Amino acid sequence: MDKVVFPDTAHIMESLLPQIEEIAKIGIYEVDLTRGVWTGSEQFAKIFGLQKKDQYTVGEFQALLHPEDAEEVMIYFRKCLENKEDFNCEYRCVRPGGEVVYVNSRSKIQYSDEGTPLKVLGIKQDVTIYKLFELRLNELKDLDKKKSEILSVVAHDLRAPIAQVLALSGLLKACPPAEHGELIRLQTKSCEIALNIINELIEIAQLERDDQEIKKDRTAVNLLIDESITRFQAMAQNKNITIKATLCQDCEVNINSSMFSRIIDNLLSNALKFTENNKSIELITENDEGQFLLRVVDQGIGIKPEHIPLLFEKFSKTIRRSGTHGEPSTGLGLSIVKHLVDLHNGTIHVESEICKGTAISITFPK
């Protein structure tokens, strides 16, 4: 009878291990805590973008930790040593070439009979692809949530003027012709409110396109500012608000004229909505070392400090409010301003104090 020869399983597994590591994107490693050195497989070195060598220092590895994760990882490692727990952690590393990778570490810590930590044995797995998918999925979930919130707000905002139009239509049928004029005026106003909501939604959608390009020309901005002030004089007079202009002379800026006018209109409209009667609003322009500065300063009701970072969000429920005379607000005005300023490579800054007023400063490259 022929002798049965069993394969050397250990040898086979050892020869297959590098392939298994590569398939699973796993690297095996060991840390000698008494000498402060690491050893690892070829796949371990590949995960971190290192040249394969016999050993690495602890300092070499710590230098790979992402600056935002390094402190937290080291605190957790020390906690594992103190509590004699396994080191299981997910964190980011930066390869020598600058590429960020997400690493999942699963490790066992070995101790002496006296409880002194001696070695760490474990694996490091490159989970970058899975982590990026997870982050993207979370982004999509957030976008979907925001979309639902926006649709809810828009539906609510459109429902009111449409309901008013329907109610007024019923009154038109019942009222004598002599009263139709006022009802038609109110109906027109409701339609204008609804149309304004729709127009701003279309505008913000266009501004958020990735391929948005604008044509800019050298433009005398004082004329545009004066024209905007003229457009809002009637609204200002209704609240007995004075609009002042302190403008630098001979000021030309490389801008898109219609977008710049939109910025001024939105800032003025906002200032007028949230300023009480008998106050003032001032528009100030300055030239400063190759930059053009525009400031709109009001004596309005002000904004809470914690709400300022939310000002440029679309339809933010936290800060959305009506004007001092109940003027409607879509919650898109300042979001549109921010997009328009960004398209000009400009910056926008807000300062505010409750019951004293708000100053919005915008800079444009000249």
Protein backbone atom coordinates (compact mmCIF):
# COMPACT_ATOMS: atom_id res chain seq x y z
CA MET A 1 0.00 0.00 0.00
CA ASP A 2 1.38 3.40 -0.98
CA LYS A 3 2.34 5.74 1.82
CA VAL A 4 0.02 8.74 2.12
CA VAL A 5 1.98 12.00 2.08
CA PHE A 6 0.18 14.85 3.79
CA PRO A 7 0.92 18.35 2.55
CA ASP A 8 2.85 20.70 4.81
CA THR A 9 -0.16 22.83 5.78
CA ALA A 10 1.90 25.30 7.77
CA HIS A 11 4.23 25.87 4.84
CA ILE A 12 1.29 26.32 2.45
CA MET A 13 -0.39 28.84 4.76
CA GLU A 14 2.86 30.72 5.19
CA SER A 15 3.28 30.98 1.42
CA LEU A 16 -0.33 32.09 0.96
CA LEU A 17 -0.28 34.66 3.76
CA PRO A 18 1.12 37.57 1.70
CA GLN A 19 -1.61 37.02 -0.91
CA ILE A 20 -4.30 36.86 1.76
CA GLU A 21 -2.96 40.08 3.31
CA GLU A 22 -3.02 41.84 -0.06
CA ILE A 23 -6.57 40.69 -0.89
CA ALA A 24 -7.91 41.82 2.51
CA LYS A 25 -5.68 44.95 2.59
CA ILE A 26 -4.37 43.74 5.94
CA GLY A 27 -0.86 44.09 7.33
CA ILE A 28 0.46 42.06 10.26
CA TYR A 29 2.67 43.85 12.76
CA GLU A 30 4.36 43.56 16.13
CA VAL A 31 5.57 46.26 18.51
CA ASP A 32 8.32 45.61 21.04
CA LEU A 33 7.32 48.05 23.77
CA THR A 34 10.53 47.51 25.73
CA ARG A 35 12.72 48.64 22.79
CA GLY A 36 10.25 51.00 21.09
CA VAL A 37 10.44 49.33 17.68
CA TRP A 38 7.89 48.05 15.15
CA THR A 39 8.18 45.14 12.74
CA GLY A 40 5.64 44.41 10.06
CA SER A 41 4.86 42.49 6.91
CA GLU A 42 5.33 43.84 3.41
CA GLN A 43 1.61 44.65 3.20
CA PHE A 44 1.88 46.54 6.52
CA ALA A 45 4.55 48.78 4.97
CA LYS A 46 2.45 49.20 1.82
CA ILE A 47 -0.60 50.39 3.78
CA PHE A 48 1.40 53.24 5.29
CA GLY A 49 3.40 54.00 2.15
CA LEU A 50 6.68 53.02 3.83
CA GLN A 51 9.78 51.45 2.39
CA LYS A 52 9.99 47.85 3.64
CA LYS A 53 12.72 47.39 6.24
CA ASP A 54 13.43 45.14 9.20
CA GLN A 55 12.05 47.52 11.81
CA TYR A 56 10.62 50.97 12.37
CA THR A 57 10.85 53.26 15.37
CA VAL A 58 7.81 54.35 17.37
CA GLY A 59 8.60 57.93 16.33
CA GLU A 60 8.43 56.97 12.64
CA PHE A 61 4.96 55.54 13.09
CA GLN A 62 3.65 58.36 15.27
CA ALA A 63 4.72 60.81 12.58
CA LEU A 64 2.25 59.12 10.21
CA LEU A 65 -0.77 59.77 12.43
CA HIS A 66 -3.12 62.43 11.07
CA PRO A 67 -2.64 65.66 13.08
CA GLU A 68 -6.34 65.77 13.92
CA ASP A 69 -6.35 62.15 15.19
CA ALA A 70 -2.90 61.79 16.76
CA GLU A 71 -3.66 63.00 20.28
CA GLU A 72 -6.88 60.99 20.56
CA VAL A 73 -5.16 57.79 19.33
CA MET A 74 -2.29 58.13 21.80
CA ILE A 75 -4.65 58.87 24.71
CA TYR A 76 -6.68 55.78 23.81
CA PHE A 77 -3.51 53.63 23.56
CA ARG A 78 -2.35 54.74 27.01
CA LYS A 79 -5.81 53.99 28.38
CA CYS A 80 -5.63 50.46 26.90
CA LEU A 81 -2.28 49.92 28.62
CA GLU A 82 -3.60 51.16 31.97
CA ASN A 83 -6.76 49.03 31.80
CA LYS A 84 -5.08 46.03 30.13
CA GLU A 85 -7.55 46.20 27.25
CA ASP A 86 -7.14 45.31 23.58
CA PHE A 87 -6.22 48.20 21.26
CA ASN A 88 -9.05 48.39 18.73
CA CYS A 89 -9.25 51.72 16.96
CA GLU A 90 -10.00 53.40 13.63
CA TYR A 91 -8.04 56.49 12.67
CA ARG A 92 -6.41 58.37 9.81
CA CYS A 93 -2.78 58.31 8.75
CA VAL A 94 -0.91 60.47 6.26
CA ARG A 95 1.46 58.64 3.95
CA PRO A 96 4.86 60.23 3.25
CA GLY A 97 3.49 61.41 -0.12
CA GLY A 98 0.59 63.24 1.59
CA GLU A 99 -2.21 60.75 0.82
CA VAL A 100 -4.68 60.24 3.69
CA VAL A 101 -5.66 56.65 4.50
CA TYR A 102 -8.17 55.31 7.01
CA VAL A 103 -6.78 52.46 9.12
CA ASN A 104 -8.64 49.93 11.25
CA SER A 105 -6.34 48.55 13.96
CA ARG A 106 -7.08 45.31 15.87
CA SER A 107 -4.42 44.38 18.40
CA LYS A 108 -3.60 42.33 21.51
CA ILE A 109 -1.25 43.63 24.16
CA GLN A 110 0.99 41.12 25.96
CA TYR A 111 2.10 41.70 29.55
CA SER A 112 4.73 40.21 31.86
CA ASP A 113 3.75 38.35 35.02
CA GLU A 114 4.30 41.62 36.87
CA GLY A 115 1.85 43.42 34.55
CA THR A 116 4.43 45.30 32.49
CA PRO A 117 3.33 45.72 28.84
CA LEU A 118 5.80 43.90 26.57
CA LYS A 119 4.42 43.56 23.06
CA VAL A 120 1.56 44.54 20.81
CA LEU A 121 0.51 41.95 18.21
CA GLY A 122 -2.11 42.73 15.64
CA ILE A 123 -3.24 43.78 12.21
CA LYS A 124 -3.75 47.08 10.41
CA GLN A 125 -6.39 47.14 7.69
CA ASP A 126 -6.69 49.81 5.00
CA VAL A 127 -10.41 50.71 5.12
CA THR A 128 -10.13 53.93 3.12
CA ILE A 129 -12.52 52.89 0.34
CA TYR A 130 -15.20 51.74 2.79
CA LYS A 131 -14.77 54.84 4.94
CA LEU A 132 -15.08 57.20 1.98
CA PHE A 133 -18.23 55.37 0.87
CA GLU A 134 -19.58 55.71 4.42
CA LEU A 135 -18.78 59.42 4.56
CA ARG A 136 -20.36 59.98 1.13
CA LEU A 137 -23.44 58.03 2.19
CA ASN A 138 -23.77 60.20 5.30
CA GLU A 139 -23.42 63.32 3.13
CA LEU A 140 -26.20 62.07 0.87
CA LYS A 141 -28.39 61.33 3.88
CA ASP A 142 -27.79 64.86 5.19
CA LEU A 143 -28.58 66.32 1.77
CA ASP A 144 -31.76 64.27 1.57
CA LYS A 145 -32.77 65.47 5.03
CA LYS A 146 -32.07 69.09 4.07
CA LYS A 147 -34.02 68.63 0.83
CA SER A 148 -37.03 67.38 2.78
CA GLU A 149 -36.75 70.30 5.20
CA ILE A 150 -36.51 72.78 2.34
CA LEU A 151 -39.52 71.27 0.57
CA SER A 152 -41.47 71.47 3.82
CA VAL A 153 -40.56 75.14 4.31
CA VAL A 154 -41.25 76.05 0.67
CA ALA A 155 -44.60 74.27 0.75
CA HIS A 156 -45.50 76.15 3.92
CA ASP A 157 -44.39 79.50 2.46
CA LEU A 158 -46.25 79.00 -0.80
CA ARG A 159 -49.38 77.71 0.90
CA ALA A 160 -50.06 81.02 2.66
CA PRO A 161 -50.11 83.33 -0.41
CA ILE A 162 -51.94 80.74 -2.52
CA ALA A 163 -54.58 80.33 0.20
CA GLN A 164 -54.93 84.13 0.32
CA VAL A 165 -55.44 84.27 -3.45
CA LEU A 166 -58.18 81.63 -3.21
CA ALA A 167 -59.85 83.42 -0.30
CA LEU A 168 -59.72 86.75 -2.11
CA SER A 169 -61.13 85.14 -5.26
CA GLY A 170 -64.13 84.05 -3.22
CA LEU A 171 -64.55 87.57 -1.85
CA LEU A 172 -64.37 89.03 -5.36
CA LYS A 173 -67.36 86.95 -6.33
CA ALA A 174 -69.36 88.05 -3.29
CA CYS A 175 -68.37 91.72 -3.04
CA PRO A 176 -69.78 94.57 -5.12
CA PRO A 177 -67.58 95.88 -7.98
CA ALA A 178 -66.78 99.04 -6.00
CA GLU A 179 -64.69 96.98 -3.55
CA HIS A 180 -62.85 94.95 -6.18
CA GLY A 181 -59.88 97.35 -6.45
CA GLU A 182 -58.55 96.71 -2.93
CA LEU A 183 -59.16 92.97 -3.18
CA ILE A 184 -57.28 92.82 -6.49
CA ARG A 185 -54.38 94.78 -4.91
CA LEU A 186 -54.17 92.26 -2.05
CA GLN A 187 -54.42 89.39 -4.50
CA THR A 188 -51.58 90.83 -6.58
CA LYS A 189 -49.46 91.23 -3.45
CA SER A 190 -49.97 87.56 -2.56
CA CYS A 191 -48.98 86.52 -6.07
CA GLU A 192 -45.84 88.66 -5.86
CA ILE A 193 -44.84 86.97 -2.59
CA ALA A 194 -45.29 83.51 -4.12
CA LEU A 195 -43.42 84.54 -7.28
CA ASN A 196 -40.54 85.95 -5.20
CA ILE A 197 -40.18 82.60 -3.39
CA ILE A 198 -40.08 80.73 -6.71
CA ASN A 199 -37.60 83.18 -8.27
CA GLU A 200 -35.22 82.92 -5.31
CA LEU A 201 -35.38 79.12 -5.42
CA ILE A 202 -34.48 79.20 -9.12
CA GLU A 203 -31.69 81.71 -8.46
CA ILE A 204 -30.07 79.70 -5.64
CA ALA A 205 -30.26 76.52 -7.78
CA GLN A 206 -28.45 78.30 -10.64
CA LEU A 207 -25.79 79.73 -8.30
CA GLU A 208 -25.05 76.29 -6.84
CA ARG A 209 -24.20 74.78 -10.23
CA ASP A 210 -20.58 73.61 -10.38
CA ASP A 211 -20.06 75.06 -13.85
CA GLN A 212 -21.22 78.57 -12.92
CA GLU A 213 -19.11 81.22 -14.66
CA ILE A 214 -19.51 84.99 -14.55
CA LYS A 215 -18.44 87.86 -16.79
CA LYS A 216 -16.75 90.69 -14.89
CA ASP A 217 -15.89 94.21 -16.04
CA ARG A 218 -14.32 97.29 -14.50
CA THR A 219 -17.35 99.05 -13.09
CA ALA A 220 -18.00 102.33 -11.24
CA VAL A 221 -19.81 100.89 -8.22
CA ASN A 222 -21.10 104.17 -6.73
CA LEU A 223 -23.74 104.44 -9.45
CA LEU A 224 -24.96 100.89 -8.75
CA ILE A 225 -25.18 101.64 -5.02
CA ASP A 226 -27.10 104.89 -5.64
CA GLU A 227 -29.54 103.06 -7.93
CA SER A 228 -30.16 100.40 -5.26
CA ILE A 229 -30.79 103.04 -2.60
CA THR A 230 -33.32 104.71 -4.92
CA ARG A 231 -35.15 101.40 -5.41
CA PHE A 232 -35.58 101.01 -1.65
CA GLN A 233 -36.46 104.59 -0.72
CA ALA A 234 -40.20 103.89 -0.67
CA MET A 235 -39.72 100.93 1.69
CA ALA A 236 -37.45 103.08 3.89
CA GLN A 237 -39.98 105.95 3.98
CA ASN A 238 -42.73 103.58 5.14
CA LYS A 239 -40.68 103.02 8.32
CA ASN A 240 -39.17 106.53 8.41
CA ILE A 241 -35.69 105.00 8.04
CA THR A 242 -32.85 107.14 6.68
CA ILE A 243 -30.44 105.50 4.23
CA LYS A 244 -27.03 107.18 4.25
CA ALA A 245 -24.18 106.59 1.81
CA THR A 246 -20.52 107.30 2.59
CA LEU A 247 -18.80 106.30 -0.64
CA CYS A 248 -15.18 106.58 -1.73
CA GLN A 249 -14.67 108.56 -4.91
CA ASP A 250 -13.65 107.26 -8.35
CA CYS A 251 -14.04 103.68 -7.26
CA GLU A 252 -13.92 101.04 -10.00
CA VAL A 253 -14.05 97.33 -9.22
CA ASN A 254 -13.83 94.21 -11.40
CA ILE A 255 -17.35 92.83 -10.90
CA ASN A 256 -20.45 91.49 -12.58
CA SER A 257 -22.76 94.51 -12.42
CA SER A 258 -26.08 92.68 -12.15
CA MET A 259 -24.73 90.36 -9.43
CA PHE A 260 -23.27 93.28 -7.49
CA SER A 261 -26.63 95.08 -7.66
CA ARG A 262 -28.30 91.90 -6.38
CA ILE A 263 -25.90 91.85 -3.42
CA ILE A 264 -26.71 95.47 -2.54
CA ASP A 265 -30.45 94.91 -2.97
CA ASN A 266 -30.46 91.85 -0.70
CA LEU A 267 -28.39 93.54 2.00
CA LEU A 268 -30.53 96.67 1.94
CA SER A 269 -33.76 94.67 1.93
CA ASN A 270 -32.53 92.66 4.90
CA ALA A 271 -31.43 95.75 6.81
CA LEU A 272 -34.77 97.49 6.23
CA LYS A 273 -36.78 94.42 7.30
CA PHE A 274 -35.02 94.13 10.64
CA THR A 275 -34.67 97.82 11.54
CA GLU A 276 -37.34 99.55 13.60
CA ASN A 277 -38.98 102.85 12.62
CA ASN A 278 -37.05 106.12 12.87
CA LYS A 279 -33.60 104.51 12.67
CA SER A 280 -30.89 104.69 10.02
CA ILE A 281 -28.90 102.45 7.66
CA GLU A 282 -25.50 103.40 6.26
CA LEU A 283 -23.64 102.06 3.22
CA ILE A 284 -19.88 102.62 3.37
CA THR A 285 -17.25 101.89 0.72
CA GLU A 286 -13.47 101.98 1.05
CA ASN A 287 -10.38 101.20 -1.03
CA ASP A 288 -7.80 99.21 0.91
CA GLU A 289 -4.57 97.86 -0.60
CA GLY A 290 -5.98 96.35 -3.76
CA GLN A 291 -9.32 95.42 -2.22
CA PHE A 292 -12.72 97.07 -2.30
CA LEU A 293 -14.67 97.07 0.97
CA LEU A 294 -18.44 97.45 1.21
CA ARG A 295 -20.17 97.73 4.59
CA VAL A 296 -23.90 97.86 5.28
CA VAL A 297 -24.52 99.01 8.86
CA ASP A 298 -27.99 99.12 10.39
CA GLN A 299 -29.49 100.04 13.76
CA GLY A 300 -31.73 97.01 13.74
CA ILE A 301 -32.74 94.34 16.21
CA GLY A 302 -29.44 92.46 15.89
CA ILE A 303 -28.50 88.79 15.72
CA LYS A 304 -27.55 86.43 18.54
CA PRO A 305 -23.84 85.44 18.39
CA GLU A 306 -24.68 81.73 18.10
CA HIS A 307 -26.93 82.44 15.10
CA ILE A 308 -24.31 84.31 13.01
CA PRO A 309 -22.68 81.09 11.62
CA LEU A 310 -26.14 79.98 10.42
CA LEU A 311 -26.97 83.17 8.51
CA PHE A 312 -25.92 81.85 5.11
CA GLU A 313 -27.76 78.52 5.35
CA LYS A 314 -30.80 78.08 3.14
CA PHE A 315 -34.14 78.10 5.01
CA SER A 316 -32.52 77.78 8.44
CA LYS A 317 -35.40 77.23 10.85
CA THR A 318 -33.25 78.40 13.76
CA ILE A 319 -32.81 81.97 12.58
CA ARG A 320 -35.69 82.47 10.16
CA ARG A 321 -38.02 85.26 11.24
CA SER A 322 -40.30 87.97 9.91
CA GLY A 323 -39.29 91.64 9.79
CA THR A 324 -40.14 94.20 12.46
CA HIS A 325 -43.40 94.99 10.62
CA GLY A 326 -44.11 91.36 9.77
CA GLU A 327 -42.32 91.56 6.41
CA PRO A 328 -42.07 88.05 4.90
CA SER A 329 -38.68 86.40 4.49
CA THR A 330 -37.80 83.38 2.36
CA GLY A 331 -34.58 82.72 4.26
CA LEU A 332 -32.61 82.72 1.00
CA GLY A 333 -31.44 86.33 0.75
CA LEU A 334 -28.13 86.05 2.59
CA SER A 335 -27.44 82.61 1.14
CA ILE A 336 -27.70 84.19 -2.32
CA VAL A 337 -25.39 87.03 -1.22
CA LYS A 338 -22.79 84.51 0.00
CA HIS A 339 -22.86 82.63 -3.32
CA LEU A 340 -22.51 85.85 -5.31
CA VAL A 341 -19.60 87.04 -3.15
CA ASP A 342 -17.88 83.65 -3.52
CA LEU A 343 -18.21 83.87 -7.31
CA HIS A 344 -16.25 87.14 -7.11
CA ASN A 345 -13.57 85.49 -4.90
CA GLY A 346 -14.63 87.87 -2.15
CA THR A 347 -15.20 87.49 1.59
CA ILE A 348 -18.12 88.31 3.86
CA HIS A 349 -18.04 89.06 7.58
CA VAL A 350 -20.88 89.75 10.03
CA GLU A 351 -20.81 91.64 13.32
CA SER A 352 -23.96 92.13 15.37
CA GLU A 353 -25.24 93.09 18.78
CA ILE A 354 -28.77 92.48 20.02
CA CYS A 355 -30.94 95.63 20.02
CA LYS A 356 -28.07 97.71 18.60
CA GLY A 357 -27.68 96.58 15.02
CA THR A 358 -25.71 94.60 12.47
CA ALA A 359 -22.76 95.37 10.20
CA ILE A 360 -22.10 93.18 7.16
CA SER A 361 -18.71 93.72 5.52
CA ILE A 362 -17.84 92.40 2.06
CA THR A 363 -14.47 92.60 0.34
CA PHE A 364 -13.82 92.18 -3.39
CA PRO A 365 -10.49 91.98 -5.19
CA LYS A 366 -10.14 95.13 -7.29
